[in-house]
Amino acid sequence: MKRSNLFKKAAWALLMLAGLFTFASCSSDEEEDYKGSDSTVVNNKESMLKLHGTWQSTENGSYVVLRNPKTGKETIVQYRRLDDKLIPYLNGKIADLDTLAGLSREDLGDKYLRIQFQPEGKLQSFEQKENGSWEKDDDGNYGFNDDGFYMKIGGTNYTKLRITKLTLTELELTETTFDDHDLNEVVVKKVIQFVRA
């Protein structure tokens, strides 16, 4: 009987050790970097290193959520590339932003661009020319502070963003606070996707 109890205890101890070993072997390196579109990727040194390099904006997965100021109804409007801009589209047509939210197309249009994040918080933006080549457009800087991630390109104000997806090949930037009061009233969030160039 003692031998049976000893065997059971030894088997139980081995199972516990195996469970602890399995639990301890899962590291944060194996976790996915994507945290969902409403959370922020941890702003740490590893994230900063992944950010370094050249990223190109893409229409795939880029969108804006608008709230009609009169009805409160929210509408998701996808972005599509038109020449050198990302333009809001709805139901296969350029979105009528005036009817949806009292905005003009220029209020929400974004340049189709490349951003090169360099060490020491420096960045350069590039725009695509008609012949398909890329030309430097402007200098800027970026970094992390108490409010999260920020970028400044050229003479614009600092833009507060959240990095809501960051892998070695994909970057998602989400903006929910705008300098323009009218935009704050109608734009719930703007999400722009980038791919490694």
C-alpha atoms as a PDB file:
ATOM      1  CA  MET A   1       0.000   0.000   0.000  1.00  0.00           C
ATOM      2  CA  LYS A   2       2.855   2.385   0.849  1.00  0.00           C
ATOM      3  CA  ARG A   3       4.427   1.572  -2.475  1.00  0.00           C
ATOM      4  CA  SER A   4       1.175   2.478  -4.301  1.00  0.00           C
ATOM      5  CA  ASN A   5       0.918   5.841  -2.476  1.00  0.00           C
ATOM      6  CA  LEU A   6       4.575   6.574  -3.177  1.00  0.00           C
ATOM      7  CA  PHE A   7       4.028   5.800  -6.864  1.00  0.00           C
ATOM      8  CA  LYS A   8       0.938   8.072  -6.980  1.00  0.00           C
ATOM      9  CA  LYS A   9       2.827  10.920  -5.285  1.00  0.00           C
ATOM     10  CA  ALA A  10       5.774  10.557  -7.663  1.00  0.00           C
ATOM     11  CA  ALA A  11       3.453  10.507 -10.686  1.00  0.00           C
ATOM     12  CA  TRP A  12       1.614  13.573  -9.338  1.00  0.00           C
ATOM     13  CA  ALA A  13       4.920  15.410  -8.788  1.00  0.00           C
ATOM     14  CA  LEU A  14       6.060  14.596 -12.333  1.00  0.00           C
ATOM     15  CA  LEU A  15       2.779  15.905 -13.762  1.00  0.00           C
ATOM     16  CA  MET A  16       3.132  19.130 -11.765  1.00  0.00           C
ATOM     17  CA  LEU A  17       6.720  19.610 -12.955  1.00  0.00           C
ATOM     18  CA  ALA A  18       5.714  18.948 -16.557  1.00  0.00           C
ATOM     19  CA  GLY A  19       2.908  21.507 -16.221  1.00  0.00           C
ATOM     20  CA  LEU A  20       5.234  24.102 -14.719  1.00  0.00           C
ATOM     21  CA  PHE A  21       7.842  23.457 -17.414  1.00  0.00           C
ATOM     22  CA  THR A  22       5.227  23.861 -20.153  1.00  0.00           C
ATOM     23  CA  PHE A  23       3.897  27.075 -18.602  1.00  0.00           C
ATOM     24  CA  ALA A  24       7.391  28.532 -18.079  1.00  0.00           C
ATOM     25  CA  SER A  25       8.501  27.739 -21.619  1.00  0.00           C
ATOM     26  CA  CYS A  26       5.865  30.053 -23.151  1.00  0.00           C
ATOM     27  CA  SER A  27       7.586  33.378 -23.616  1.00  0.00           C
ATOM     28  CA  SER A  28       6.377  36.751 -24.801  1.00  0.00           C
ATOM     29  CA  ASP A  29       8.437  36.211 -27.973  1.00  0.00           C
ATOM     30  CA  GLU A  30       5.880  33.640 -29.061  1.00  0.00           C
ATOM     31  CA  GLU A  31       2.928  35.955 -28.470  1.00  0.00           C
ATOM     32  CA  GLU A  32       1.459  37.685 -31.487  1.00  0.00           C
ATOM     33  CA  ASP A  33       2.293  41.350 -31.804  1.00  0.00           C
ATOM     34  CA  TYR A  34      -1.229  42.219 -32.916  1.00  0.00           C
ATOM     35  CA  LYS A  35      -3.231  43.431 -29.953  1.00  0.00           C
ATOM     36  CA  GLY A  36      -6.475  44.295 -31.732  1.00  0.00           C
ATOM     37  CA  SER A  37      -7.648  47.515 -33.272  1.00  0.00           C
ATOM     38  CA  ASP A  38      -8.631  49.124 -29.961  1.00  0.00           C
ATOM     39  CA  SER A  39      -5.479  48.510 -27.940  1.00  0.00           C
ATOM     40  CA  THR A  40      -1.933  49.701 -28.163  1.00  0.00           C
ATOM     41  CA  VAL A  41       1.124  47.595 -28.849  1.00  0.00           C
ATOM     42  CA  VAL A  42       3.508  47.906 -25.916  1.00  0.00           C
ATOM     43  CA  ASN A  43       5.848  50.831 -26.489  1.00  0.00           C
ATOM     44  CA  ASN A  44       9.209  49.361 -25.641  1.00  0.00           C
ATOM     45  CA  LYS A  45      12.689  49.063 -27.099  1.00  0.00           C
ATOM     46  CA  GLU A  46      11.734  45.947 -29.060  1.00  0.00           C
ATOM     47  CA  SER A  47       8.789  47.800 -30.654  1.00  0.00           C
ATOM     48  CA  MET A  48      11.078  50.697 -31.548  1.00  0.00           C
ATOM     49  CA  LEU A  49      13.538  48.339 -33.245  1.00  0.00           C
ATOM     50  CA  LYS A  50      10.728  46.689 -35.253  1.00  0.00           C
ATOM     51  CA  LEU A  51       9.582  50.137 -36.355  1.00  0.00           C
ATOM     52  CA  HIS A  52      12.969  51.064 -37.870  1.00  0.00           C
ATOM     53  CA  GLY A  53      13.009  50.841 -41.649  1.00  0.00           C
ATOM     54  CA  THR A  54      10.795  51.894 -44.553  1.00  0.00           C
ATOM     55  CA  TRP A  55       7.012  51.474 -44.505  1.00  0.00           C
ATOM     56  CA  GLN A  56       4.553  52.132 -47.344  1.00  0.00           C
ATOM     57  CA  SER A  57       0.917  53.072 -46.758  1.00  0.00           C
ATOM     58  CA  THR A  58      -1.649  50.753 -48.296  1.00  0.00           C
ATOM     59  CA  GLU A  59      -5.364  50.874 -48.928  1.00  0.00           C
ATOM     60  CA  ASN A  60      -5.754  47.279 -47.735  1.00  0.00           C
ATOM     61  CA  GLY A  61      -7.249  47.493 -44.268  1.00  0.00           C
ATOM     62  CA  SER A  62      -7.148  51.298 -44.069  1.00  0.00           C
ATOM     63  CA  TYR A  63     -10.428  52.894 -43.030  1.00  0.00           C
ATOM     64  CA  VAL A  64     -12.119  55.651 -41.086  1.00  0.00           C
ATOM     65  CA  VAL A  65     -15.136  55.440 -38.763  1.00  0.00           C
ATOM     66  CA  LEU A  66     -17.411  58.481 -39.061  1.00  0.00           C
ATOM     67  CA  ARG A  67     -20.267  59.560 -36.798  1.00  0.00           C
ATOM     68  CA  ASN A  68     -23.050  61.634 -38.350  1.00  0.00           C
ATOM     69  CA  PRO A  69     -23.392  64.650 -36.024  1.00  0.00           C
ATOM     70  CA  LYS A  70     -27.171  64.818 -36.542  1.00  0.00           C
ATOM     71  CA  THR A  71     -28.128  61.158 -36.213  1.00  0.00           C
ATOM     72  CA  GLY A  72     -25.196  59.710 -34.273  1.00  0.00           C
ATOM     73  CA  LYS A  73     -25.041  56.844 -36.782  1.00  0.00           C
ATOM     74  CA  GLU A  74     -21.547  55.451 -37.307  1.00  0.00           C
ATOM     75  CA  THR A  75     -20.312  54.451 -40.766  1.00  0.00           C
ATOM     76  CA  ILE A  76     -17.111  52.623 -41.687  1.00  0.00           C
ATOM     77  CA  VAL A  77     -15.559  54.087 -44.817  1.00  0.00           C
ATOM     78  CA  GLN A  78     -12.715  52.217 -46.546  1.00  0.00           C
ATOM     79  CA  TYR A  79      -9.743  53.935 -48.160  1.00  0.00           C
ATOM     80  CA  ARG A  80      -8.751  53.340 -51.783  1.00  0.00           C
ATOM     81  CA  ARG A  81      -5.743  54.635 -53.624  1.00  0.00           C
ATOM     82  CA  LEU A  82      -6.417  57.311 -56.233  1.00  0.00           C
ATOM     83  CA  ASP A  83      -3.227  58.661 -57.812  1.00  0.00           C
ATOM     84  CA  ASP A  84      -1.022  59.805 -54.918  1.00  0.00           C
ATOM     85  CA  LYS A  85      -3.745  59.833 -52.249  1.00  0.00           C
ATOM     86  CA  LEU A  86      -5.742  57.451 -50.111  1.00  0.00           C
ATOM     87  CA  ILE A  87      -9.358  58.540 -50.628  1.00  0.00           C
ATOM     88  CA  PRO A  88     -12.408  57.483 -48.552  1.00  0.00           C
ATOM     89  CA  TYR A  89     -14.698  55.158 -50.566  1.00  0.00           C
ATOM     90  CA  LEU A  90     -18.145  53.822 -49.703  1.00  0.00           C
ATOM     91  CA  ASN A  91     -20.125  51.287 -51.754  1.00  0.00           C
ATOM     92  CA  GLY A  92     -17.620  51.398 -54.617  1.00  0.00           C
ATOM     93  CA  LYS A  93     -17.725  55.201 -55.017  1.00  0.00           C
ATOM     94  CA  ILE A  94     -15.851  58.120 -53.555  1.00  0.00           C
ATOM     95  CA  ALA A  95     -17.624  58.709 -50.252  1.00  0.00           C
ATOM     96  CA  ASP A  96     -19.971  61.692 -49.992  1.00  0.00           C
ATOM     97  CA  LEU A  97     -18.383  62.941 -46.779  1.00  0.00           C
ATOM     98  CA  ASP A  98     -20.500  66.094 -46.782  1.00  0.00           C
ATOM     99  CA  THR A  99     -23.701  64.055 -46.440  1.00  0.00           C
ATOM    100  CA  LEU A 100     -22.183  61.488 -44.084  1.00  0.00           C
ATOM    101  CA  ALA A 101     -20.474  63.842 -41.677  1.00  0.00           C
ATOM    102  CA  GLY A 102     -20.318  67.395 -43.010  1.00  0.00           C
ATOM    103  CA  LEU A 103     -16.700  67.009 -44.204  1.00  0.00           C
ATOM    104  CA  SER A 104     -14.888  67.516 -47.476  1.00  0.00           C
ATOM    105  CA  ARG A 105     -12.742  64.826 -49.106  1.00  0.00           C
ATOM    106  CA  GLU A 106      -9.605  66.814 -48.262  1.00  0.00           C
ATOM    107  CA  ASP A 107     -10.455  66.604 -44.552  1.00  0.00           C
ATOM    108  CA  LEU A 108      -9.838  62.857 -44.504  1.00  0.00           C
ATOM    109  CA  GLY A 109      -7.680  62.182 -47.534  1.00  0.00           C
ATOM    110  CA  ASP A 110      -4.183  60.920 -46.848  1.00  0.00           C
ATOM    111  CA  LYS A 111      -1.127  60.923 -49.038  1.00  0.00           C
ATOM    112  CA  TYR A 112      -0.023  57.598 -50.434  1.00  0.00           C
ATOM    113  CA  LEU A 113       3.475  57.671 -48.994  1.00  0.00           C
ATOM    114  CA  ARG A 114       6.485  55.922 -47.595  1.00  0.00           C
ATOM    115  CA  ILE A 115       7.888  56.683 -44.176  1.00  0.00           C
ATOM    116  CA  GLN A 116      11.411  55.724 -43.202  1.00  0.00           C
ATOM    117  CA  PHE A 117      11.779  55.449 -39.422  1.00  0.00           C
ATOM    118  CA  GLN A 118      15.423  55.964 -38.480  1.00  0.00           C
ATOM    119  CA  PRO A 119      17.237  55.571 -35.151  1.00  0.00           C
ATOM    120  CA  GLU A 120      17.274  58.481 -32.715  1.00  0.00           C
ATOM    121  CA  GLY A 121      13.629  59.363 -33.455  1.00  0.00           C
ATOM    122  CA  LYS A 122      14.222  60.782 -36.942  1.00  0.00           C
ATOM    123  CA  LEU A 123      12.059  60.026 -39.974  1.00  0.00           C
ATOM    124  CA  GLN A 124      11.779  60.896 -43.634  1.00  0.00           C
ATOM    125  CA  SER A 125       8.670  60.808 -45.802  1.00  0.00           C
ATOM    126  CA  PHE A 126       8.687  59.997 -49.505  1.00  0.00           C
ATOM    127  CA  GLU A 127       6.053  60.558 -52.174  1.00  0.00           C
ATOM    128  CA  GLN A 128       5.622  58.568 -55.349  1.00  0.00           C
ATOM    129  CA  LYS A 129       6.161  60.329 -58.656  1.00  0.00           C
ATOM    130  CA  GLU A 130       4.193  59.691 -61.859  1.00  0.00           C
ATOM    131  CA  ASN A 131       6.987  57.474 -63.210  1.00  0.00           C
ATOM    132  CA  GLY A 132       6.699  55.209 -60.135  1.00  0.00           C
ATOM    133  CA  SER A 133       9.900  56.332 -58.433  1.00  0.00           C
ATOM    134  CA  TRP A 134       9.936  57.622 -54.861  1.00  0.00           C
ATOM    135  CA  GLU A 135      11.275  61.054 -53.948  1.00  0.00           C
ATOM    136  CA  LYS A 136      12.005  62.494 -50.515  1.00  0.00           C
ATOM    137  CA  ASP A 137       9.189  64.781 -49.446  1.00  0.00           C
ATOM    138  CA  ASP A 138       9.961  65.878 -45.905  1.00  0.00           C
ATOM    139  CA  ASP A 139      11.845  65.277 -42.659  1.00  0.00           C
ATOM    140  CA  GLY A 140      10.288  64.709 -39.289  1.00  0.00           C
ATOM    141  CA  ASN A 141      10.580  62.955 -35.977  1.00  0.00           C
ATOM    142  CA  TYR A 142       8.756  60.395 -33.878  1.00  0.00           C
ATOM    143  CA  GLY A 143       8.858  58.834 -30.452  1.00  0.00           C
ATOM    144  CA  PHE A 144       6.952  57.657 -27.420  1.00  0.00           C
ATOM    145  CA  ASN A 145       5.764  59.785 -24.521  1.00  0.00           C
ATOM    146  CA  ASP A 146       3.108  59.523 -21.790  1.00  0.00           C
ATOM    147  CA  ASP A 147       0.355  59.957 -24.407  1.00  0.00           C
ATOM    148  CA  GLY A 148       1.730  57.117 -26.557  1.00  0.00           C
ATOM    149  CA  PHE A 149       3.294  57.290 -29.995  1.00  0.00           C
ATOM    150  CA  TYR A 150       3.689  60.589 -31.845  1.00  0.00           C
ATOM    151  CA  MET A 151       4.909  61.680 -35.272  1.00  0.00           C
ATOM    152  CA  LYS A 152       5.643  65.024 -36.823  1.00  0.00           C
ATOM    153  CA  ILE A 153       6.302  65.353 -40.543  1.00  0.00           C
ATOM    154  CA  GLY A 154       7.400  68.709 -41.928  1.00  0.00           C
ATOM    155  CA  GLY A 155       5.668  71.747 -40.492  1.00  0.00           C
ATOM    156  CA  THR A 156       2.613  69.881 -39.216  1.00  0.00           C
ATOM    157  CA  ASN A 157       1.728  69.615 -35.555  1.00  0.00           C
ATOM    158  CA  TYR A 158       2.596  66.487 -33.648  1.00  0.00           C
ATOM    159  CA  THR A 159       0.079  63.769 -34.404  1.00  0.00           C
ATOM    160  CA  LYS A 160      -0.877  61.502 -31.509  1.00  0.00           C
ATOM    161  CA  LEU A 161      -1.263  57.933 -32.713  1.00  0.00           C
ATOM    162  CA  ARG A 162      -1.485  54.431 -31.374  1.00  0.00           C
ATOM    163  CA  ILE A 163       0.467  51.583 -32.872  1.00  0.00           C
ATOM    164  CA  THR A 164      -2.284  48.973 -32.920  1.00  0.00           C
ATOM    165  CA  LYS A 165      -0.389  46.407 -34.969  1.00  0.00           C
ATOM    166  CA  LEU A 166       3.325  45.922 -35.371  1.00  0.00           C
ATOM    167  CA  THR A 167       5.000  42.872 -36.855  1.00  0.00           C
ATOM    168  CA  LEU A 168       8.113  42.585 -38.962  1.00  0.00           C
ATOM    169  CA  THR A 169       6.024  43.204 -42.122  1.00  0.00           C
ATOM    170  CA  GLU A 170       2.912  45.146 -41.016  1.00  0.00           C
ATOM    171  CA  LEU A 171       2.254  48.383 -39.166  1.00  0.00           C
ATOM    172  CA  GLU A 172      -1.157  49.787 -38.227  1.00  0.00           C
ATOM    173  CA  LEU A 173      -1.467  53.359 -36.947  1.00  0.00           C
ATOM    174  CA  THR A 174      -4.713  54.499 -35.348  1.00  0.00           C
ATOM    175  CA  GLU A 175      -5.655  58.120 -34.740  1.00  0.00           C
ATOM    176  CA  THR A 176      -8.552  59.029 -32.452  1.00  0.00           C
ATOM    177  CA  THR A 177      -7.713  62.603 -31.454  1.00  0.00           C
ATOM    178  CA  PHE A 178      -7.502  65.399 -34.010  1.00  0.00           C
ATOM    179  CA  ASP A 179      -6.307  69.010 -33.763  1.00  0.00           C
ATOM    180  CA  ASP A 180      -9.375  70.164 -35.685  1.00  0.00           C
ATOM    181  CA  HIS A 181     -12.485  70.470 -33.463  1.00  0.00           C
ATOM    182  CA  ASP A 182     -14.823  69.615 -36.352  1.00  0.00           C
ATOM    183  CA  LEU A 183     -12.947  66.373 -37.045  1.00  0.00           C
ATOM    184  CA  ASN A 184     -13.119  65.411 -33.367  1.00  0.00           C
ATOM    185  CA  GLU A 185     -16.893  65.762 -33.542  1.00  0.00           C
ATOM    186  CA  VAL A 186     -17.388  63.361 -36.452  1.00  0.00           C
ATOM    187  CA  VAL A 187     -14.347  61.071 -36.741  1.00  0.00           C
ATOM    188  CA  VAL A 188     -14.392  58.193 -34.275  1.00  0.00           C
ATOM    189  CA  LYS A 189     -11.082  56.815 -35.515  1.00  0.00           C
ATOM    190  CA  LYS A 190      -8.846  56.685 -38.562  1.00  0.00           C
ATOM    191  CA  VAL A 191      -6.751  53.578 -39.231  1.00  0.00           C
ATOM    192  CA  ILE A 192      -3.947  53.528 -41.803  1.00  0.00           C
ATOM    193  CA  GLN A 193      -2.144  50.311 -42.674  1.00  0.00           C
ATOM    194  CA  PHE A 194       1.490  50.152 -43.754  1.00  0.00           C
ATOM    195  CA  VAL A 195       3.564  47.324 -45.172  1.00  0.00           C
ATOM    196  CA  ARG A 196       7.318  46.974 -45.077  1.00  0.00           C
ATOM    197  CA  ALA A 197       8.738  48.448 -48.306  1.00  0.00           C
END
